[in-house]
Amino acid sequence: MAEYGWMAVVAGFILILVGMALIFVGVLWQAVRGGGSAEVGGVVVIGPLPIVFGSSERAFMVAAVLGIILLVLAIALFVLLSRGFSVPGG
């Protein structure tokens, strides 16, 4: 069971690196295209509760949808794990 914990840590680390790379590519792409305006939005998840923020209504709505998806996934995982769900082969 501990090996799944390490796999989750490695997967999280990889996701963080991919996210940072996407931000870097996005900044470079915007610089090459010629500036423009930027919208920023984000989700901070504390437990199963998402806290959503955004610099514009559009960015806020995109972050809110992402927050709702994360909330549903978190609740589903909590329910599955509380009922003794086991990973095949584990």
PDB file of N, CA and C in Angstrom:
ATOM      1  N   MET A   1       0.821  -1.199   0.000  1.00  0.00           N
ATOM      2  CA  MET A   1       0.000   0.000   0.000  1.00  0.00           C
ATOM      3  C   MET A   1       0.864   1.262   0.000  1.00  0.00           C
ATOM      4  N   ALA A   2       2.038   1.180   0.621  1.00  0.00           N
ATOM      5  CA  ALA A   2       2.917   2.353   0.677  1.00  0.00           C
ATOM      6  C   ALA A   2       3.414   2.739  -0.707  1.00  0.00           C
ATOM      7  N   GLU A   3       3.530   1.768  -1.603  1.00  0.00           N
ATOM      8  CA  GLU A   3       4.006   2.073  -2.954  1.00  0.00           C
ATOM      9  C   GLU A   3       3.027   2.976  -3.697  1.00  0.00           C
ATOM     10  N   TYR A   4       1.720   2.859  -3.396  1.00  0.00           N
ATOM     11  CA  TYR A   4       0.738   3.743  -4.028  1.00  0.00           C
ATOM     12  C   TYR A   4       0.879   5.169  -3.513  1.00  0.00           C
ATOM     13  N   GLY A   5       1.288   5.303  -2.255  1.00  0.00           N
ATOM     14  CA  GLY A   5       1.539   6.632  -1.713  1.00  0.00           C
ATOM     15  C   GLY A   5       2.673   7.324  -2.441  1.00  0.00           C
ATOM     16  N   TRP A   6       3.757   6.567  -2.675  1.00  0.00           N
ATOM     17  CA  TRP A   6       4.892   7.141  -3.404  1.00  0.00           C
ATOM     18  C   TRP A   6       4.523   7.449  -4.844  1.00  0.00           C
ATOM     19  N   MET A   7       3.689   6.587  -5.432  1.00  0.00           N
ATOM     20  CA  MET A   7       3.252   6.851  -6.806  1.00  0.00           C
ATOM     21  C   MET A   7       2.435   8.136  -6.859  1.00  0.00           C
ATOM     22  N   ALA A   8       1.626   8.387  -5.843  1.00  0.00           N
ATOM     23  CA  ALA A   8       0.833   9.614  -5.790  1.00  0.00           C
ATOM     24  C   ALA A   8       1.739  10.834  -5.634  1.00  0.00           C
ATOM     25  N   VAL A   9       2.769  10.709  -4.816  1.00  0.00           N
ATOM     26  CA  VAL A   9       3.713  11.816  -4.635  1.00  0.00           C
ATOM     27  C   VAL A   9       4.434  12.116  -5.945  1.00  0.00           C
ATOM     28  N   VAL A  10       4.897  11.087  -6.624  1.00  0.00           N
ATOM     29  CA  VAL A  10       5.595  11.269  -7.901  1.00  0.00           C
ATOM     30  C   VAL A  10       4.646  11.852  -8.947  1.00  0.00           C
ATOM     31  N   ALA A  11       3.409  11.347  -8.996  1.00  0.00           N
ATOM     32  CA  ALA A  11       2.429  11.878  -9.954  1.00  0.00           C
ATOM     33  C   ALA A  11       2.142  13.352  -9.669  1.00  0.00           C
ATOM     34  N   GLY A  12       2.023  13.713  -8.396  1.00  0.00           N
ATOM     35  CA  GLY A  12       1.802  15.117  -8.041  1.00  0.00           C
ATOM     36  C   GLY A  12       2.966  15.994  -8.446  1.00  0.00           C
ATOM     37  N   PHE A  13       4.173  15.518  -8.221  1.00  0.00           N
ATOM     38  CA  PHE A  13       5.365  16.267  -8.601  1.00  0.00           C
ATOM     39  C   PHE A  13       5.415  16.467 -10.111  1.00  0.00           C
ATOM     40  N   ILE A  14       5.103  15.414 -10.847  1.00  0.00           N
ATOM     41  CA  ILE A  14       5.101  15.512 -12.313  1.00  0.00           C
ATOM     42  C   ILE A  14       4.040  16.499 -12.784  1.00  0.00           C
ATOM     43  N   LEU A  15       2.855  16.466 -12.170  1.00  0.00           N
ATOM     44  CA  LEU A  15       1.804  17.414 -12.541  1.00  0.00           C
ATOM     45  C   LEU A  15       2.216  18.859 -12.267  1.00  0.00           C
ATOM     46  N   ILE A  16       2.914  19.080 -11.163  1.00  0.00           N
ATOM     47  CA  ILE A  16       3.402  20.426 -10.864  1.00  0.00           C
ATOM     48  C   ILE A  16       4.401  20.872 -11.922  1.00  0.00           C
ATOM     49  N   LEU A  17       5.325  19.997 -12.303  1.00  0.00           N
ATOM     50  CA  LEU A  17       6.308  20.344 -13.332  1.00  0.00           C
ATOM     51  C   LEU A  17       5.640  20.625 -14.674  1.00  0.00           C
ATOM     52  N   VAL A  18       4.647  19.810 -15.039  1.00  0.00           N
ATOM     53  CA  VAL A  18       3.926  20.032 -16.296  1.00  0.00           C
ATOM     54  C   VAL A  18       3.195  21.372 -16.250  1.00  0.00           C
ATOM     55  N   GLY A  19       2.577  21.689 -15.119  1.00  0.00           N
ATOM     56  CA  GLY A  19       1.889  22.974 -14.980  1.00  0.00           C
ATOM     57  C   GLY A  19       2.841  24.154 -15.109  1.00  0.00           C
ATOM     58  N   MET A  20       3.996  24.045 -14.476  1.00  0.00           N
ATOM     59  CA  MET A  20       4.985  25.119 -14.594  1.00  0.00           C
ATOM     60  C   MET A  20       5.470  25.270 -16.029  1.00  0.00           C
ATOM     61  N   ALA A  21       5.666  24.144 -16.728  1.00  0.00           N
ATOM     62  CA  ALA A  21       6.099  24.199 -18.125  1.00  0.00           C
ATOM     63  C   ALA A  21       5.030  24.845 -18.992  1.00  0.00           C
ATOM     64  N   LEU A  22       3.756  24.520 -18.740  1.00  0.00           N
ATOM     65  CA  LEU A  22       2.672  25.131 -19.516  1.00  0.00           C
ATOM     66  C   LEU A  22       2.592  26.635 -19.291  1.00  0.00           C
ATOM     67  N   ILE A  23       2.803  27.065 -18.052  1.00  0.00           N
ATOM     68  CA  ILE A  23       2.807  28.504 -17.765  1.00  0.00           C
ATOM     69  C   ILE A  23       3.958  29.174 -18.494  1.00  0.00           C
ATOM     70  N   PHE A  24       5.129  28.558 -18.462  1.00  0.00           N
ATOM     71  CA  PHE A  24       6.296  29.116 -19.144  1.00  0.00           C
ATOM     72  C   PHE A  24       6.051  29.232 -20.645  1.00  0.00           C
ATOM     73  N   VAL A  25       5.516  28.177 -21.254  1.00  0.00           N
ATOM     74  CA  VAL A  25       5.228  28.196 -22.691  1.00  0.00           C
ATOM     75  C   VAL A  25       4.169  29.250 -23.001  1.00  0.00           C
ATOM     76  N   GLY A  26       3.167  29.378 -22.142  1.00  0.00           N
ATOM     77  CA  GLY A  26       2.131  30.388 -22.353  1.00  0.00           C
ATOM     78  C   GLY A  26       2.681  31.797 -22.309  1.00  0.00           C
ATOM     79  N   VAL A  27       3.585  32.064 -21.382  1.00  0.00           N
ATOM     80  CA  VAL A  27       4.199  33.392 -21.289  1.00  0.00           C
ATOM     81  C   VAL A  27       5.033  33.669 -22.532  1.00  0.00           C
ATOM     82  N   LEU A  28       5.812  32.692 -22.965  1.00  0.00           N
ATOM     83  CA  LEU A  28       6.615  32.875 -24.177  1.00  0.00           C
ATOM     84  C   LEU A  28       5.724  33.082 -25.398  1.00  0.00           C
ATOM     85  N   TRP A  29       4.663  32.301 -25.499  1.00  0.00           N
ATOM     86  CA  TRP A  29       3.733  32.424 -26.628  1.00  0.00           C
ATOM     87  C   TRP A  29       3.116  33.817 -26.663  1.00  0.00           C
ATOM     88  N   GLN A  30       2.715  34.331 -25.510  1.00  0.00           N
ATOM     89  CA  GLN A  30       2.108  35.661 -25.429  1.00  0.00           C
ATOM     90  C   GLN A  30       3.129  36.727 -25.812  1.00  0.00           C
ATOM     91  N   ALA A  31       4.391  36.549 -25.413  1.00  0.00           N
ATOM     92  CA  ALA A  31       5.431  37.519 -25.739  1.00  0.00           C
ATOM     93  C   ALA A  31       5.705  37.539 -27.238  1.00  0.00           C
ATOM     94  N   VAL A  32       5.717  36.363 -27.867  1.00  0.00           N
ATOM     95  CA  VAL A  32       5.974  36.281 -29.304  1.00  0.00           C
ATOM     96  C   VAL A  32       4.804  36.851 -30.090  1.00  0.00           C
ATOM     97  N   ARG A  33       3.594  36.594 -29.634  1.00  0.00           N
ATOM     98  CA  ARG A  33       2.398  37.073 -30.337  1.00  0.00           C
ATOM     99  C   ARG A  33       2.224  38.571 -30.239  1.00  0.00           C
ATOM    100  N   GLY A  34       2.839  39.197 -29.272  1.00  0.00           N
ATOM    101  CA  GLY A  34       2.762  40.650 -29.195  1.00  0.00           C
ATOM    102  C   GLY A  34       1.966  41.176 -28.027  1.00  0.00           C
ATOM    103  N   GLY A  35       2.206  40.674 -26.851  1.00  0.00           N
ATOM    104  CA  GLY A  35       1.596  41.242 -25.655  1.00  0.00           C
ATOM    105  C   GLY A  35       0.116  40.951 -25.555  1.00  0.00           C
ATOM    106  N   GLY A  36      -0.652  41.980 -25.216  1.00  0.00           N
ATOM    107  CA  GLY A  36      -2.081  41.816 -25.035  1.00  0.00           C
ATOM    108  C   GLY A  36      -2.435  41.811 -23.560  1.00  0.00           C
ATOM    109  N   SER A  37      -3.678  41.521 -23.295  1.00  0.00           N
ATOM    110  CA  SER A  37      -4.115  41.486 -21.901  1.00  0.00           C
ATOM    111  C   SER A  37      -4.121  40.050 -21.391  1.00  0.00           C
ATOM    112  N   ALA A  38      -4.064  39.913 -20.104  1.00  0.00           N
ATOM    113  CA  ALA A  38      -4.048  38.587 -19.502  1.00  0.00           C
ATOM    114  C   ALA A  38      -5.148  38.492 -18.455  1.00  0.00           C
ATOM    115  N   GLU A  39      -5.732  37.320 -18.367  1.00  0.00           N
ATOM    116  CA  GLU A  39      -6.724  37.038 -17.335  1.00  0.00           C
ATOM    117  C   GLU A  39      -6.166  35.942 -16.446  1.00  0.00           C
ATOM    118  N   VAL A  40      -6.396  36.080 -15.163  1.00  0.00           N
ATOM    119  CA  VAL A  40      -5.854  35.125 -14.209  1.00  0.00           C
ATOM    120  C   VAL A  40      -6.982  34.593 -13.347  1.00  0.00           C
ATOM    121  N   GLY A  41      -6.975  33.286 -13.153  1.00  0.00           N
ATOM    122  CA  GLY A  41      -7.944  32.663 -12.262  1.00  0.00           C
ATOM    123  C   GLY A  41      -7.298  31.458 -11.621  1.00  0.00           C
ATOM    124  N   GLY A  42      -7.843  31.049 -10.495  1.00  0.00           N
ATOM    125  CA  GLY A  42      -7.263  29.907  -9.835  1.00  0.00           C
ATOM    126  C   GLY A  42      -8.199  29.298  -8.818  1.00  0.00           C
ATOM    127  N   VAL A  43      -7.807  28.122  -8.367  1.00  0.00           N
ATOM    128  CA  VAL A  43      -8.575  27.380  -7.371  1.00  0.00           C
ATOM    129  C   VAL A  43      -7.605  26.903  -6.307  1.00  0.00           C
ATOM    130  N   VAL A  44      -7.940  27.172  -5.058  1.00  0.00           N
ATOM    131  CA  VAL A  44      -7.197  26.631  -3.924  1.00  0.00           C
ATOM    132  C   VAL A  44      -8.138  25.653  -3.241  1.00  0.00           C
ATOM    133  N   VAL A  45      -7.709  24.395  -3.145  1.00  0.00           N
ATOM    134  CA  VAL A  45      -8.557  23.360  -2.561  1.00  0.00           C
ATOM    135  C   VAL A  45      -8.054  23.064  -1.155  1.00  0.00           C
ATOM    136  N   ILE A  46      -8.926  23.290  -0.171  1.00  0.00           N
ATOM    137  CA  ILE A  46      -8.621  22.984   1.222  1.00  0.00           C
ATOM    138  C   ILE A  46      -9.599  21.899   1.649  1.00  0.00           C
ATOM    139  N   GLY A  47      -9.050  20.689   1.824  1.00  0.00           N
ATOM    140  CA  GLY A  47      -9.940  19.551   2.060  1.00  0.00           C
ATOM    141  C   GLY A  47     -10.737  19.329   0.787  1.00  0.00           C
ATOM    142  N   PRO A  48     -12.034  19.172   0.899  1.00  0.00           N
ATOM    143  CA  PRO A  48     -12.827  19.043  -0.321  1.00  0.00           C
ATOM    144  C   PRO A  48     -13.391  20.388  -0.806  1.00  0.00           C
ATOM    145  N   LEU A  49     -13.113  21.483  -0.098  1.00  0.00           N
ATOM    146  CA  LEU A  49     -13.725  22.770  -0.417  1.00  0.00           C
ATOM    147  C   LEU A  49     -12.829  23.629  -1.304  1.00  0.00           C
ATOM    148  N   PRO A  50     -13.322  23.992  -2.496  1.00  0.00           N
ATOM    149  CA  PRO A  50     -12.528  24.859  -3.373  1.00  0.00           C
ATOM    150  C   PRO A  50     -12.754  26.336  -3.049  1.00  0.00           C
ATOM    151  N   ILE A  51     -11.678  27.106  -3.088  1.00  0.00           N
ATOM    152  CA  ILE A  51     -11.750  28.562  -2.973  1.00  0.00           C
ATOM    153  C   ILE A  51     -11.337  29.090  -4.336  1.00  0.00           C
ATOM    154  N   VAL A  52     -12.233  29.834  -4.987  1.00  0.00           N
ATOM    155  CA  VAL A  52     -12.047  30.242  -6.371  1.00  0.00           C
ATOM    156  C   VAL A  52     -11.781  31.741  -6.436  1.00  0.00           C
ATOM    157  N   PHE A  53     -10.870  32.148  -7.316  1.00  0.00           N
ATOM    158  CA  PHE A  53     -10.618  33.564  -7.553  1.00  0.00           C
ATOM    159  C   PHE A  53     -10.320  33.792  -9.026  1.00  0.00           C
ATOM    160  N   GLY A  54     -10.510  35.019  -9.482  1.00  0.00           N
ATOM    161  CA  GLY A  54     -10.232  35.357 -10.871  1.00  0.00           C
ATOM    162  C   GLY A  54     -10.174  36.855 -11.076  1.00  0.00           C
ATOM    163  N   SER A  55      -9.404  37.276 -12.078  1.00  0.00           N
ATOM    164  CA  SER A  55      -9.255  38.709 -12.355  1.00  0.00           C
ATOM    165  C   SER A  55     -10.368  39.243 -13.249  1.00  0.00           C
ATOM    166  N   SER A  56     -11.111  38.353 -13.878  1.00  0.00           N
ATOM    167  CA  SER A  56     -12.248  38.760 -14.706  1.00  0.00           C
ATOM    168  C   SER A  56     -13.348  37.726 -14.535  1.00  0.00           C
ATOM    169  N   GLU A  57     -14.524  38.059 -15.032  1.00  0.00           N
ATOM    170  CA  GLU A  57     -15.650  37.135 -14.901  1.00  0.00           C
ATOM    171  C   GLU A  57     -15.385  35.832 -15.654  1.00  0.00           C
ATOM    172  N   ARG A  58     -14.782  35.926 -16.821  1.00  0.00           N
ATOM    173  CA  ARG A  58     -14.485  34.733 -17.616  1.00  0.00           C
ATOM    174  C   ARG A  58     -13.493  33.829 -16.898  1.00  0.00           C
ATOM    175  N   ALA A  59     -12.421  34.413 -16.376  1.00  0.00           N
ATOM    176  CA  ALA A  59     -11.418  33.628 -15.655  1.00  0.00           C
ATOM    177  C   ALA A  59     -12.022  33.015 -14.392  1.00  0.00           C
ATOM    178  N   PHE A  60     -12.883  33.770 -13.721  1.00  0.00           N
ATOM    179  CA  PHE A  60     -13.533  33.253 -12.521  1.00  0.00           C
ATOM    180  C   PHE A  60     -14.428  32.060 -12.851  1.00  0.00           C
ATOM    181  N   MET A  61     -15.182  32.150 -13.950  1.00  0.00           N
ATOM    182  CA  MET A  61     -16.085  31.062 -14.316  1.00  0.00           C
ATOM    183  C   MET A  61     -15.316  29.794 -14.694  1.00  0.00           C
ATOM    184  N   VAL A  62     -14.216  29.946 -15.409  1.00  0.00           N
ATOM    185  CA  VAL A  62     -13.395  28.782 -15.759  1.00  0.00           C
ATOM    186  C   VAL A  62     -12.844  28.140 -14.487  1.00  0.00           C
ATOM    187  N   ALA A  63     -12.348  28.960 -13.565  1.00  0.00           N
ATOM    188  CA  ALA A  63     -11.820  28.437 -12.307  1.00  0.00           C
ATOM    189  C   ALA A  63     -12.935  27.816 -11.461  1.00  0.00           C
ATOM    190  N   ALA A  64     -14.138  28.404 -11.495  1.00  0.00           N
ATOM    191  CA  ALA A  64     -15.255  27.853 -10.730  1.00  0.00           C
ATOM    192  C   ALA A  64     -15.648  26.472 -11.249  1.00  0.00           C
ATOM    193  N   VAL A  65     -15.686  26.299 -12.563  1.00  0.00           N
ATOM    194  CA  VAL A  65     -16.002  24.988 -13.136  1.00  0.00           C
ATOM    195  C   VAL A  65     -14.940  23.978 -12.727  1.00  0.00           C
ATOM    196  N   LEU A  66     -13.676  24.369 -12.791  1.00  0.00           N
ATOM    197  CA  LEU A  66     -12.596  23.485 -12.356  1.00  0.00           C
ATOM    198  C   LEU A  66     -12.742  23.147 -10.873  1.00  0.00           C
ATOM    199  N   GLY A  67     -13.101  24.128 -10.070  1.00  0.00           N
ATOM    200  CA  GLY A  67     -13.301  23.899  -8.641  1.00  0.00           C
ATOM    201  C   GLY A  67     -14.433  22.922  -8.366  1.00  0.00           C
ATOM    202  N   ILE A  68     -15.518  23.024  -9.110  1.00  0.00           N
ATOM    203  CA  ILE A  68     -16.646  22.101  -8.942  1.00  0.00           C
ATOM    204  C   ILE A  68     -16.232  20.686  -9.328  1.00  0.00           C
ATOM    205  N   ILE A  69     -15.477  20.557 -10.420  1.00  0.00           N
ATOM    206  CA  ILE A  69     -14.998  19.237 -10.835  1.00  0.00           C
ATOM    207  C   ILE A  69     -14.102  18.641  -9.756  1.00  0.00           C
ATOM    208  N   LEU A  70     -13.195  19.443  -9.196  1.00  0.00           N
ATOM    209  CA  LEU A  70     -12.316  18.962  -8.136  1.00  0.00           C
ATOM    210  C   LEU A  70     -13.104  18.582  -6.887  1.00  0.00           C
ATOM    211  N   LEU A  71     -14.146  19.347  -6.561  1.00  0.00           N
ATOM    212  CA  LEU A  71     -14.984  19.036  -5.408  1.00  0.00           C
ATOM    213  C   LEU A  71     -15.683  17.692  -5.582  1.00  0.00           C
ATOM    214  N   VAL A  72     -16.254  17.454  -6.766  1.00  0.00           N
ATOM    215  CA  VAL A  72     -16.936  16.188  -7.039  1.00  0.00           C
ATOM    216  C   VAL A  72     -15.946  15.025  -6.971  1.00  0.00           C
ATOM    217  N   LEU A  73     -14.759  15.201  -7.541  1.00  0.00           N
ATOM    218  CA  LEU A  73     -13.741  14.142  -7.477  1.00  0.00           C
ATOM    219  C   LEU A  73     -13.308  13.857  -6.041  1.00  0.00           C
ATOM    220  N   ALA A  74     -13.137  14.895  -5.249  1.00  0.00           N
ATOM    221  CA  ALA A  74     -12.720  14.704  -3.860  1.00  0.00           C
ATOM    222  C   ALA A  74     -13.789  13.961  -3.070  1.00  0.00           C
ATOM    223  N   ILE A  75     -15.048  14.346  -3.245  1.00  0.00           N
ATOM    224  CA  ILE A  75     -16.128  13.671  -2.532  1.00  0.00           C
ATOM    225  C   ILE A  75     -16.229  12.215  -2.983  1.00  0.00           C
ATOM    226  N   ALA A  76     -16.103  11.968  -4.280  1.00  0.00           N
ATOM    227  CA  ALA A  76     -16.161  10.593  -4.784  1.00  0.00           C
ATOM    228  C   ALA A  76     -15.032   9.747  -4.196  1.00  0.00           C
ATOM    229  N   LEU A  77     -13.834  10.303  -4.124  1.00  0.00           N
ATOM    230  CA  LEU A  77     -12.710   9.564  -3.541  1.00  0.00           C
ATOM    231  C   LEU A  77     -12.932   9.299  -2.058  1.00  0.00           C
ATOM    232  N   PHE A  78     -13.444  10.287  -1.328  1.00  0.00           N
ATOM    233  CA  PHE A  78     -13.713  10.090   0.095  1.00  0.00           C
ATOM    234  C   PHE A  78     -14.742   8.984   0.302  1.00  0.00           C
ATOM    235  N   VAL A  79     -15.791   8.981  -0.513  1.00  0.00           N
ATOM    236  CA  VAL A  79     -16.835   7.960  -0.378  1.00  0.00           C
ATOM    237  C   VAL A  79     -16.269   6.583  -0.716  1.00  0.00           C
ATOM    238  N   LEU A  80     -15.528   6.486  -1.827  1.00  0.00           N
ATOM    239  CA  LEU A  80     -14.959   5.195  -2.216  1.00  0.00           C
ATOM    240  C   LEU A  80     -13.995   4.661  -1.165  1.00  0.00           C
ATOM    241  N   LEU A  81     -13.140   5.523  -0.648  1.00  0.00           N
ATOM    242  CA  LEU A  81     -12.162   5.065   0.342  1.00  0.00           C
ATOM    243  C   LEU A  81     -12.816   4.732   1.676  1.00  0.00           C
ATOM    244  N   SER A  82     -13.885   5.426   2.039  1.00  0.00           N
ATOM    245  CA  SER A  82     -14.555   5.128   3.300  1.00  0.00           C
ATOM    246  C   SER A  82     -15.310   3.804   3.231  1.00  0.00           C
ATOM    247  N   ARG A  83     -15.668   3.368   2.027  1.00  0.00           N
ATOM    248  CA  ARG A  83     -16.372   2.098   1.855  1.00  0.00           C
ATOM    249  C   ARG A  83     -15.416   0.933   1.629  1.00  0.00           C
ATOM    250  N   GLY A  84     -14.133   1.180   1.767  1.00  0.00           N
ATOM    251  CA  GLY A  84     -13.152   0.106   1.648  1.00  0.00           C
ATOM    252  C   GLY A  84     -12.793  -0.236   0.218  1.00  0.00           C
ATOM    253  N   PHE A  85     -12.903   0.711  -0.691  1.00  0.00           N
ATOM    254  CA  PHE A  85     -12.512   0.491  -2.073  1.00  0.00           C
ATOM    255  C   PHE A  85     -11.045   0.126  -2.139  1.00  0.00           C
ATOM    256  N   SER A  86     -10.704  -0.904  -2.889  1.00  0.00           N
ATOM    257  CA  SER A  86      -9.304  -1.297  -3.008  1.00  0.00           C
ATOM    258  C   SER A  86      -8.892  -1.258  -4.473  1.00  0.00           C
ATOM    259  N   VAL A  87      -7.642  -0.976  -4.686  1.00  0.00           N
ATOM    260  CA  VAL A  87      -7.083  -0.908  -6.023  1.00  0.00           C
ATOM    261  C   VAL A  87      -6.809  -2.341  -6.492  1.00  0.00           C
ATOM    262  N   PRO A  88      -7.195  -2.681  -7.719  1.00  0.00           N
ATOM    263  CA  PRO A  88      -6.925  -4.039  -8.216  1.00  0.00           C
ATOM    264  C   PRO A  88      -5.439  -4.357  -8.183  1.00  0.00           C
ATOM    265  N   GLY A  89      -5.109  -5.530  -7.702  1.00  0.00           N
ATOM    266  CA  GLY A  89      -3.715  -5.947  -7.615  1.00  0.00           C
ATOM    267  C   GLY A  89      -3.026  -5.454  -6.355  1.00  0.00           C
ATOM    268  N   GLY A  90      -3.739  -4.702  -5.508  1.00  0.00           N
ATOM    269  CA  GLY A  90      -3.101  -4.146  -4.327  1.00  0.00           C
ATOM    270  C   GLY A  90      -3.539  -4.725  -3.111  1.00  0.00           C
TER     271      GLY A  90
END
